Amino acid sequence: MNLTRVVQLCVDIGSHIISESDAAAPSNMGEVFDADVIESEVGESMRKALGFRNIAIHNYEKINWDIVHAICVRSVENFRLFAGSVASRFQN
């Protein structure tokens, strides 16, 4: 549950940043990470996390818990990178 929440929070933060800019509104959640919100490498990781979030939310009974564990262990750094990328936008 917390994993899906953190992904949703990243989407919400990215959407807020886009809404404050002159950029066109994304037509779907994945496009939030295509916009000039974060570096492209981080965006790719976040799009993958969003894909997992969608599977987790819409197919709860089919979740592979080994994948959930692997994401939590190996991919938590992607969320730190996202936070750092967003924070760097506001440090100037």
Protein backbone atom coordinates (compact mmCIF):
# COMPACT_ATOMS: atom_id res chain seq x y z
CA MET A 1 0.00 0.00 0.00
CA ASN A 2 2.75 2.47 0.87
CA LEU A 3 4.52 1.72 -2.39
CA THR A 4 1.44 2.68 -4.39
CA ARG A 5 1.06 5.81 -2.26
CA VAL A 6 4.60 7.02 -2.86
CA VAL A 7 4.19 6.58 -6.61
CA GLN A 8 0.92 8.52 -6.51
CA LEU A 9 2.59 11.29 -4.50
CA CYS A 10 5.32 11.56 -7.14
CA VAL A 11 2.66 11.88 -9.84
CA ASP A 12 0.88 14.55 -7.80
CA ILE A 13 4.10 16.52 -7.21
CA GLY A 14 5.01 16.35 -10.89
CA SER A 15 1.50 17.42 -11.87
CA HIS A 16 1.69 20.39 -9.54
CA ILE A 17 5.01 21.48 -11.02
CA ILE A 18 3.58 21.20 -14.54
CA SER A 19 0.50 23.20 -13.56
CA GLU A 20 2.74 26.05 -12.40
CA SER A 21 4.56 26.12 -15.74
CA ASP A 22 3.59 26.97 -19.30
CA ALA A 23 3.78 23.30 -20.31
CA ALA A 24 0.74 21.54 -21.69
CA ALA A 25 -1.17 19.42 -19.23
CA PRO A 26 -0.32 15.72 -19.50
CA SER A 27 -3.06 13.54 -20.96
CA ASN A 28 -2.20 10.64 -18.66
CA MET A 29 -0.22 9.99 -15.50
CA GLY A 30 2.81 8.61 -17.32
CA GLU A 31 3.25 11.84 -19.25
CA VAL A 32 3.92 13.64 -15.97
CA PHE A 33 7.34 11.99 -16.00
CA ASP A 34 7.90 12.84 -19.69
CA ALA A 35 7.60 16.56 -19.01
CA ASP A 36 10.51 18.75 -18.03
CA VAL A 37 9.93 18.00 -14.36
CA ILE A 38 12.82 15.61 -13.71
CA GLU A 39 15.82 14.13 -15.49
CA SER A 40 14.93 11.57 -18.18
CA GLU A 41 16.65 8.65 -16.41
CA VAL A 42 14.62 9.26 -13.27
CA GLY A 43 11.50 9.72 -15.40
CA GLU A 44 11.95 6.29 -16.96
CA SER A 45 12.24 4.69 -13.52
CA MET A 46 9.18 6.56 -12.34
CA ARG A 47 7.16 5.45 -15.37
CA LYS A 48 8.04 1.84 -14.50
CA ALA A 49 6.99 2.45 -10.90
CA LEU A 50 3.72 3.90 -12.18
CA GLY A 51 3.16 0.77 -14.23
CA PHE A 52 3.62 -1.34 -11.12
CA ARG A 53 1.27 0.95 -9.19
CA ASN A 54 -1.42 0.43 -11.82
CA ILE A 55 -1.03 -3.35 -11.60
CA ALA A 56 -1.11 -3.25 -7.80
CA ILE A 57 -4.23 -1.11 -7.67
CA HIS A 58 -6.24 -2.81 -10.39
CA ASN A 59 -5.17 -6.44 -9.90
CA TYR A 60 -4.53 -6.75 -6.17
CA GLU A 61 -5.17 -10.50 -6.11
CA LYS A 62 -2.50 -11.11 -8.79
CA ILE A 63 0.39 -9.28 -7.13
CA ASN A 64 3.70 -11.11 -7.18
CA TRP A 65 5.05 -10.37 -3.72
CA ASP A 66 8.59 -11.26 -4.79
CA ILE A 67 8.42 -8.33 -7.22
CA VAL A 68 7.08 -6.04 -4.48
CA HIS A 69 9.97 -7.04 -2.23
CA ALA A 70 12.51 -6.50 -5.01
CA ILE A 71 11.12 -3.05 -5.76
CA CYS A 72 11.26 -2.08 -2.10
CA VAL A 73 14.82 -3.32 -1.71
CA ARG A 74 16.34 -2.27 -5.04
CA SER A 75 14.33 0.66 -6.28
CA VAL A 76 13.82 2.90 -3.28
CA GLU A 77 16.74 4.99 -4.54
CA ASN A 78 14.59 6.04 -7.53
CA PHE A 79 12.24 7.85 -5.16
CA ARG A 80 15.20 9.61 -3.54
CA LEU A 81 16.41 10.66 -6.98
CA PHE A 82 12.95 11.97 -7.83
CA ALA A 83 12.85 13.99 -4.59
CA GLY A 84 16.35 15.35 -5.26
CA SER A 85 15.43 16.29 -8.80
CA VAL A 86 12.33 18.15 -7.66
CA ALA A 87 14.20 19.84 -4.80
CA SER A 88 16.92 21.05 -7.16
CA ARG A 89 14.28 22.96 -9.17
CA PHE A 90 13.54 25.14 -6.14
CA GLN A 91 17.05 25.75 -4.80
CA ASN A 92 17.79 28.71 -7.06
